[in-house]
């Protein structure tokens, strides 16, 4: 009798401890399909915005606010890169885009073109070790900037090392962007 009791107890413990895919008992019927997710933006994850005729002056404290388009939504994890056009757009040369910050050595001292960004805008500003009012138009007037918003999942981690972010053309190629994907912001 004692052996029968031990056998029943062992069977209860053994079969009672069985699970299926981490769940107790056999699986139930498959549930209904959930609602479809939101459509993506045609697979585009990086964005390029172009701002033209940018002029730094004493009246704007040598800083400029570049707002993103109203229909654009940036994520907190996204990163922003800003490039200035350094070649003459009237010439038949290849465009030269330089990643900010950029340092220029003038006759007056050191000048730095720099930026800060939020989820809604970019602030471009000049910084120097001299009075910015000494600068001529070649340093302050008619700049063209391209703002590239890079998704955070690419800007962090291993894929970030796969690209030279100082090379505008490499960034455009890596994120499958072209001149047709550049949005001019007025």
C-alpha atoms as a PDB file:
ATOM      1  CA  UNK A   1       0.000   0.000   0.000  1.00  0.00           C
ATOM      2  CA  UNK A   2       2.845   2.323   0.875  1.00  0.00           C
ATOM      3  CA  UNK A   3       4.413   1.669  -2.560  1.00  0.00           C
ATOM      4  CA  UNK A   4       1.116   2.443  -4.296  1.00  0.00           C
ATOM      5  CA  UNK A   5       0.812   5.712  -2.369  1.00  0.00           C
ATOM      6  CA  UNK A   6       4.413   6.708  -3.280  1.00  0.00           C
ATOM      7  CA  UNK A   7       3.755   5.825  -6.950  1.00  0.00           C
ATOM      8  CA  UNK A   8       0.604   7.986  -7.060  1.00  0.00           C
ATOM      9  CA  UNK A   9       2.384  10.867  -5.304  1.00  0.00           C
ATOM     10  CA  UNK A  10       5.369  10.651  -7.695  1.00  0.00           C
ATOM     11  CA  UNK A  11       3.017  10.566 -10.706  1.00  0.00           C
ATOM     12  CA  UNK A  12       1.166  13.669  -9.519  1.00  0.00           C
ATOM     13  CA  UNK A  13       4.419  15.533  -8.972  1.00  0.00           C
ATOM     14  CA  UNK A  14       5.870  14.403 -12.321  1.00  0.00           C
ATOM     15  CA  UNK A  15       2.811  14.967 -14.532  1.00  0.00           C
ATOM     16  CA  UNK A  16       1.697  18.055 -12.636  1.00  0.00           C
ATOM     17  CA  UNK A  17       5.039  19.700 -13.398  1.00  0.00           C
ATOM     18  CA  UNK A  18       4.721  19.252 -17.177  1.00  0.00           C
ATOM     19  CA  UNK A  19       4.309  22.391 -19.272  1.00  0.00           C
ATOM     20  CA  UNK A  20       3.852  23.151 -22.968  1.00  0.00           C
ATOM     21  CA  UNK A  21       5.888  26.090 -24.323  1.00  0.00           C
ATOM     22  CA  UNK A  22       6.221  27.464 -20.815  1.00  0.00           C
ATOM     23  CA  UNK A  23       2.438  27.317 -20.243  1.00  0.00           C
ATOM     24  CA  UNK A  24       0.459  24.870 -18.154  1.00  0.00           C
ATOM     25  CA  UNK A  25      -1.640  22.483 -20.211  1.00  0.00           C
ATOM     26  CA  UNK A  26      -2.157  22.226 -23.954  1.00  0.00           C
ATOM     27  CA  UNK A  27      -2.278  25.347 -26.142  1.00  0.00           C
ATOM     28  CA  UNK A  28      -5.673  26.874 -26.865  1.00  0.00           C
ATOM     29  CA  UNK A  29      -6.994  28.025 -30.230  1.00  0.00           C
ATOM     30  CA  UNK A  30      -5.264  30.867 -32.090  1.00  0.00           C
ATOM     31  CA  UNK A  31      -6.759  34.292 -31.323  1.00  0.00           C
ATOM     32  CA  UNK A  32      -8.030  36.813 -33.863  1.00  0.00           C
ATOM     33  CA  UNK A  33      -5.541  38.899 -35.847  1.00  0.00           C
ATOM     34  CA  UNK A  34      -4.820  42.297 -34.327  1.00  0.00           C
ATOM     35  CA  UNK A  35      -5.320  45.617 -36.097  1.00  0.00           C
ATOM     36  CA  UNK A  36      -2.736  46.603 -38.737  1.00  0.00           C
ATOM     37  CA  UNK A  37       0.121  48.832 -37.597  1.00  0.00           C
ATOM     38  CA  UNK A  38       0.669  52.381 -38.790  1.00  0.00           C
ATOM     39  CA  UNK A  39       2.245  52.782 -42.196  1.00  0.00           C
ATOM     40  CA  UNK A  40       5.875  53.814 -42.259  1.00  0.00           C
ATOM     41  CA  UNK A  41       7.237  56.680 -44.326  1.00  0.00           C
ATOM     42  CA  UNK A  42       8.091  54.559 -47.391  1.00  0.00           C
ATOM     43  CA  UNK A  43      10.970  52.978 -45.496  1.00  0.00           C
ATOM     44  CA  UNK A  44      12.745  56.305 -45.096  1.00  0.00           C
ATOM     45  CA  UNK A  45      14.432  56.640 -41.750  1.00  0.00           C
ATOM     46  CA  UNK A  46      16.854  59.529 -42.314  1.00  0.00           C
ATOM     47  CA  UNK A  47      15.812  62.981 -43.533  1.00  0.00           C
ATOM     48  CA  UNK A  48      17.642  65.915 -45.113  1.00  0.00           C
ATOM     49  CA  UNK A  49      16.441  69.509 -44.870  1.00  0.00           C
ATOM     50  CA  UNK A  50      18.104  72.375 -46.749  1.00  0.00           C
ATOM     51  CA  UNK A  51      18.105  75.972 -45.550  1.00  0.00           C
ATOM     52  CA  UNK A  52      19.360  78.675 -47.920  1.00  0.00           C
ATOM     53  CA  UNK A  53      20.352  82.348 -47.689  1.00  0.00           C
ATOM     54  CA  UNK A  54      21.424  82.084 -44.062  1.00  0.00           C
ATOM     55  CA  UNK A  55      23.036  85.247 -42.765  1.00  0.00           C
ATOM     56  CA  UNK A  56      24.596  85.755 -39.352  1.00  0.00           C
ATOM     57  CA  UNK A  57      24.513  89.297 -37.999  1.00  0.00           C
ATOM     58  CA  UNK A  58      24.683  91.320 -34.812  1.00  0.00           C
ATOM     59  CA  UNK A  59      20.891  91.741 -34.950  1.00  0.00           C
ATOM     60  CA  UNK A  60      20.392  87.993 -34.546  1.00  0.00           C
ATOM     61  CA  UNK A  61      23.321  87.736 -32.115  1.00  0.00           C
ATOM     62  CA  UNK A  62      25.196  85.701 -34.734  1.00  0.00           C
ATOM     63  CA  UNK A  63      22.814  82.781 -34.301  1.00  0.00           C
ATOM     64  CA  UNK A  64      20.002  81.395 -36.455  1.00  0.00           C
ATOM     65  CA  UNK A  65      16.981  79.270 -35.563  1.00  0.00           C
ATOM     66  CA  UNK A  66      16.196  76.610 -38.178  1.00  0.00           C
ATOM     67  CA  UNK A  67      12.833  75.049 -37.464  1.00  0.00           C
ATOM     68  CA  UNK A  68      11.926  71.628 -38.796  1.00  0.00           C
ATOM     69  CA  UNK A  69       8.883  71.461 -41.083  1.00  0.00           C
ATOM     70  CA  UNK A  70       5.587  71.255 -39.178  1.00  0.00           C
ATOM     71  CA  UNK A  71       4.744  67.831 -40.604  1.00  0.00           C
ATOM     72  CA  UNK A  72       8.079  66.338 -39.464  1.00  0.00           C
ATOM     73  CA  UNK A  73       8.282  64.467 -36.178  1.00  0.00           C
ATOM     74  CA  UNK A  74      11.697  63.746 -34.757  1.00  0.00           C
ATOM     75  CA  UNK A  75      12.179  61.066 -32.117  1.00  0.00           C
ATOM     76  CA  UNK A  76      14.073  61.725 -28.894  1.00  0.00           C
ATOM     77  CA  UNK A  77      16.656  59.119 -29.873  1.00  0.00           C
ATOM     78  CA  UNK A  78      17.382  60.715 -33.274  1.00  0.00           C
ATOM     79  CA  UNK A  79      20.592  62.622 -33.907  1.00  0.00           C
ATOM     80  CA  UNK A  80      21.184  65.714 -36.035  1.00  0.00           C
ATOM     81  CA  UNK A  81      24.126  66.479 -38.288  1.00  0.00           C
ATOM     82  CA  UNK A  82      24.585  69.906 -39.885  1.00  0.00           C
ATOM     83  CA  UNK A  83      26.659  70.509 -43.001  1.00  0.00           C
ATOM     84  CA  UNK A  84      27.614  73.845 -44.601  1.00  0.00           C
ATOM     85  CA  UNK A  85      28.143  74.219 -48.337  1.00  0.00           C
ATOM     86  CA  UNK A  86      31.690  75.478 -48.817  1.00  0.00           C
ATOM     87  CA  UNK A  87      31.928  75.477 -52.602  1.00  0.00           C
ATOM     88  CA  UNK A  88      30.587  78.137 -54.925  1.00  0.00           C
ATOM     89  CA  UNK A  89      27.104  76.996 -56.036  1.00  0.00           C
ATOM     90  CA  UNK A  90      27.458  79.145 -59.207  1.00  0.00           C
ATOM     91  CA  UNK A  91      30.582  77.270 -60.330  1.00  0.00           C
ATOM     92  CA  UNK A  92      30.571  73.906 -62.071  1.00  0.00           C
ATOM     93  CA  UNK A  93      32.508  72.325 -59.211  1.00  0.00           C
ATOM     94  CA  UNK A  94      31.396  69.428 -57.080  1.00  0.00           C
ATOM     95  CA  UNK A  95      29.664  70.624 -53.930  1.00  0.00           C
ATOM     96  CA  UNK A  96      31.804  70.469 -50.805  1.00  0.00           C
ATOM     97  CA  UNK A  97      29.774  69.924 -47.633  1.00  0.00           C
ATOM     98  CA  UNK A  98      31.529  70.236 -44.296  1.00  0.00           C
ATOM     99  CA  UNK A  99      30.195  68.850 -41.038  1.00  0.00           C
ATOM    100  CA  UNK A 100      29.814  71.345 -38.206  1.00  0.00           C
ATOM    101  CA  UNK A 101      31.475  72.353 -36.031  1.00  0.00           C
ATOM    102  CA  UNK A 102      33.969  74.000 -38.376  1.00  0.00           C
ATOM    103  CA  UNK A 103      36.869  76.164 -37.272  1.00  0.00           C
ATOM    104  CA  UNK A 104      38.146  79.052 -39.389  1.00  0.00           C
ATOM    105  CA  UNK A 105      41.312  80.990 -38.693  1.00  0.00           C
ATOM    106  CA  UNK A 106      40.768  84.634 -39.600  1.00  0.00           C
ATOM    107  CA  UNK A 107      42.976  87.722 -39.382  1.00  0.00           C
ATOM    108  CA  UNK A 108      41.126  88.553 -36.144  1.00  0.00           C
ATOM    109  CA  UNK A 109      41.378  85.162 -34.435  1.00  0.00           C
ATOM    110  CA  UNK A 110      39.571  81.830 -34.339  1.00  0.00           C
ATOM    111  CA  UNK A 111      35.977  81.545 -35.565  1.00  0.00           C
ATOM    112  CA  UNK A 112      33.819  78.469 -34.985  1.00  0.00           C
ATOM    113  CA  UNK A 113      30.561  77.629 -36.781  1.00  0.00           C
ATOM    114  CA  UNK A 114      28.595  75.381 -34.438  1.00  0.00           C
ATOM    115  CA  UNK A 115      25.074  74.178 -33.619  1.00  0.00           C
ATOM    116  CA  UNK A 116      22.711  72.794 -30.985  1.00  0.00           C
ATOM    117  CA  UNK A 117      19.500  70.898 -31.681  1.00  0.00           C
ATOM    118  CA  UNK A 118      16.217  69.882 -30.103  1.00  0.00           C
ATOM    119  CA  UNK A 119      13.395  67.689 -31.401  1.00  0.00           C
ATOM    120  CA  UNK A 120      11.902  70.777 -33.066  1.00  0.00           C
ATOM    121  CA  UNK A 121      14.779  72.865 -34.397  1.00  0.00           C
ATOM    122  CA  UNK A 122      18.469  73.533 -34.857  1.00  0.00           C
ATOM    123  CA  UNK A 123      20.285  76.638 -33.649  1.00  0.00           C
ATOM    124  CA  UNK A 124      23.338  77.631 -35.680  1.00  0.00           C
ATOM    125  CA  UNK A 125      25.735  80.019 -33.987  1.00  0.00           C
ATOM    126  CA  UNK A 126      29.134  81.615 -34.348  1.00  0.00           C
ATOM    127  CA  UNK A 127      31.680  81.519 -31.571  1.00  0.00           C
ATOM    128  CA  UNK A 128      35.012  83.310 -31.548  1.00  0.00           C
ATOM    129  CA  UNK A 129      37.826  84.706 -29.452  1.00  0.00           C
ATOM    130  CA  UNK A 130      37.305  88.180 -30.988  1.00  0.00           C
ATOM    131  CA  UNK A 131      34.490  90.659 -31.644  1.00  0.00           C
ATOM    132  CA  UNK A 132      32.224  89.076 -34.295  1.00  0.00           C
ATOM    133  CA  UNK A 133      31.333  92.547 -35.623  1.00  0.00           C
ATOM    134  CA  UNK A 134      34.764  92.560 -37.291  1.00  0.00           C
ATOM    135  CA  UNK A 135      33.742  89.772 -39.679  1.00  0.00           C
ATOM    136  CA  UNK A 136      33.061  90.517 -43.322  1.00  0.00           C
ATOM    137  CA  UNK A 137      30.228  89.162 -45.456  1.00  0.00           C
ATOM    138  CA  UNK A 138      32.288  86.211 -46.693  1.00  0.00           C
ATOM    139  CA  UNK A 139      32.116  84.754 -43.174  1.00  0.00           C
ATOM    140  CA  UNK A 140      28.517  85.665 -42.338  1.00  0.00           C
ATOM    141  CA  UNK A 141      26.321  85.965 -45.429  1.00  0.00           C
ATOM    142  CA  UNK A 142      24.460  83.617 -47.772  1.00  0.00           C
ATOM    143  CA  UNK A 143      25.261  80.271 -46.223  1.00  0.00           C
ATOM    144  CA  UNK A 144      23.499  77.082 -47.281  1.00  0.00           C
ATOM    145  CA  UNK A 145      23.027  74.406 -44.620  1.00  0.00           C
ATOM    146  CA  UNK A 146      21.795  70.855 -44.856  1.00  0.00           C
ATOM    147  CA  UNK A 147      20.432  69.307 -41.691  1.00  0.00           C
ATOM    148  CA  UNK A 148      20.478  65.510 -41.673  1.00  0.00           C
ATOM    149  CA  UNK A 149      18.316  63.762 -39.085  1.00  0.00           C
ATOM    150  CA  UNK A 150      19.734  60.317 -38.388  1.00  0.00           C
ATOM    151  CA  UNK A 151      17.681  57.662 -36.608  1.00  0.00           C
ATOM    152  CA  UNK A 152      19.060  56.870 -33.166  1.00  0.00           C
ATOM    153  CA  UNK A 153      19.177  53.118 -33.730  1.00  0.00           C
ATOM    154  CA  UNK A 154      21.802  53.756 -36.438  1.00  0.00           C
ATOM    155  CA  UNK A 155      23.686  56.599 -34.777  1.00  0.00           C
ATOM    156  CA  UNK A 156      24.404  54.448 -31.724  1.00  0.00           C
ATOM    157  CA  UNK A 157      26.014  51.053 -31.649  1.00  0.00           C
ATOM    158  CA  UNK A 158      27.974  49.075 -34.199  1.00  0.00           C
ATOM    159  CA  UNK A 159      26.502  50.601 -37.338  1.00  0.00           C
ATOM    160  CA  UNK A 160      27.708  54.025 -36.228  1.00  0.00           C
ATOM    161  CA  UNK A 161      31.270  52.845 -36.836  1.00  0.00           C
ATOM    162  CA  UNK A 162      30.452  51.776 -40.388  1.00  0.00           C
ATOM    163  CA  UNK A 163      30.269  55.348 -41.670  1.00  0.00           C
ATOM    164  CA  UNK A 164      32.356  58.513 -41.655  1.00  0.00           C
ATOM    165  CA  UNK A 165      29.807  61.140 -40.595  1.00  0.00           C
ATOM    166  CA  UNK A 166      32.151  63.951 -41.650  1.00  0.00           C
ATOM    167  CA  UNK A 167      31.684  62.804 -45.265  1.00  0.00           C
ATOM    168  CA  UNK A 168      28.305  64.158 -46.407  1.00  0.00           C
ATOM    169  CA  UNK A 169      28.236  61.975 -49.533  1.00  0.00           C
ATOM    170  CA  UNK A 170      28.957  58.837 -47.488  1.00  0.00           C
ATOM    171  CA  UNK A 171      26.111  59.705 -45.103  1.00  0.00           C
ATOM    172  CA  UNK A 172      23.723  60.236 -48.021  1.00  0.00           C
ATOM    173  CA  UNK A 173      24.731  56.923 -49.580  1.00  0.00           C
ATOM    174  CA  UNK A 174      24.618  54.979 -46.306  1.00  0.00           C
ATOM    175  CA  UNK A 175      21.061  56.129 -45.535  1.00  0.00           C
ATOM    176  CA  UNK A 176      19.975  55.700 -49.169  1.00  0.00           C
ATOM    177  CA  UNK A 177      19.298  59.418 -49.627  1.00  0.00           C
ATOM    178  CA  UNK A 178      19.709  61.447 -52.797  1.00  0.00           C
ATOM    179  CA  UNK A 179      19.422  65.069 -53.864  1.00  0.00           C
ATOM    180  CA  UNK A 180      15.774  64.308 -54.697  1.00  0.00           C
ATOM    181  CA  UNK A 181      15.155  63.455 -51.023  1.00  0.00           C
ATOM    182  CA  UNK A 182      16.414  66.866 -49.831  1.00  0.00           C
ATOM    183  CA  UNK A 183      13.540  69.015 -48.570  1.00  0.00           C
ATOM    184  CA  UNK A 184      14.098  72.760 -48.941  1.00  0.00           C
ATOM    185  CA  UNK A 185      12.750  74.626 -45.928  1.00  0.00           C
ATOM    186  CA  UNK A 186      11.804  78.245 -46.363  1.00  0.00           C
END
